[in-house]
Amino acid sequence: MKKLFLLTIIILSGHIIYAQGYKKLVWAEEFNYKGLPDKNKWAYENGFVRNNEPQYYTTSRLENCRVEDGMLVIETRKEEYPNAKYKAGSENWFEKDQFAHYTSASLITQGKADWQYGRVEVRAKVPGGAGSWPAIWMLGANHGQTKWPDCGEIDIMEYLGRDPSKVYGTVHYADSLDKYQHQGESPVVGVPADGFHIYALEWYPDRLEFYYDNLKYMVFDIKKAQQKQGNIFQKRFYLLLNLALGHQGSWAGPFSDNLLPLKYYVDYVRVYQ
């Protein structure tokens, strides 16, 4: 028997989307309103969160995260902002300083929406400049109850302003021996910060495919992440959109205050199954 392969072309908001196998739109955020992001779809990370990054993620604050002109704007600013977790005398990086010197936002769908398989597609314009570190990524829905990397991480897009011609797609996980593993690619694609581009993940039961516009640049074989309790990449994940800053000694590298403010624009987020 011959198998028929369907290539479905969907046209929404003037943009052409190539959906091979995943054609039903099951979740979307078009940002066709004004003000704070829709609280029914988005929650926030708060405070100093990871990697000793210098930015403090705020919650429901228009200065750092707002919808205007049909798109989401995440803005990183230089300003003094009180650290709610401050503890005098602490040596922990996230609570030792009474004030943060930089603010930003990290939007998450945790507790609002998560998915198992499908095409996750985001049209966005990243901010350039050394030290700029925007991302589109996913964590296992059990994150918080399950430690990282056992919960799994899918970096659909990381952009490093110090490396302006590339985008990074990476998978982080623990293997059957509970050892940390990762696989990634960083294709040279031009200058992503010059305009809007589509960053997409096509997630199947056996593989993850990473796209920059129509370029498929990495395929990850899910069986590599088989663990004693199953395979994390066959379970549900939620989405994160954030704009971080690098620092001395970090992967993203240091930045200059002259770079700020930075603005990260997201036109839409769509999930197909």
Foldseek 3Di string as FASTA:
>chain_A
DDDDWDWDWDADPNDTDTFGPFDAFDDKDQLPDWAAPDPLQKFWDAFPDDDLFQATADGRDVVAWIRDPRWIKGKKFFDWAAGPQADDPDPDSRHPDRTGGMYIIKIKRQVNDKDAFFKKKWKKAAWAFQFKWWFKKKWASCPVVDDPPQRKIWTLWIDFNVPQQWTKTKIWHAAQVRDIDMDMDIDRHGGRNVHIWMGMWGADPAWIWTDTHNDTDDIGGQNRRAYPVGGSSRHIIMIMTIITGDPPPDPSHHGDNVSPTTIMIIRMITTTD
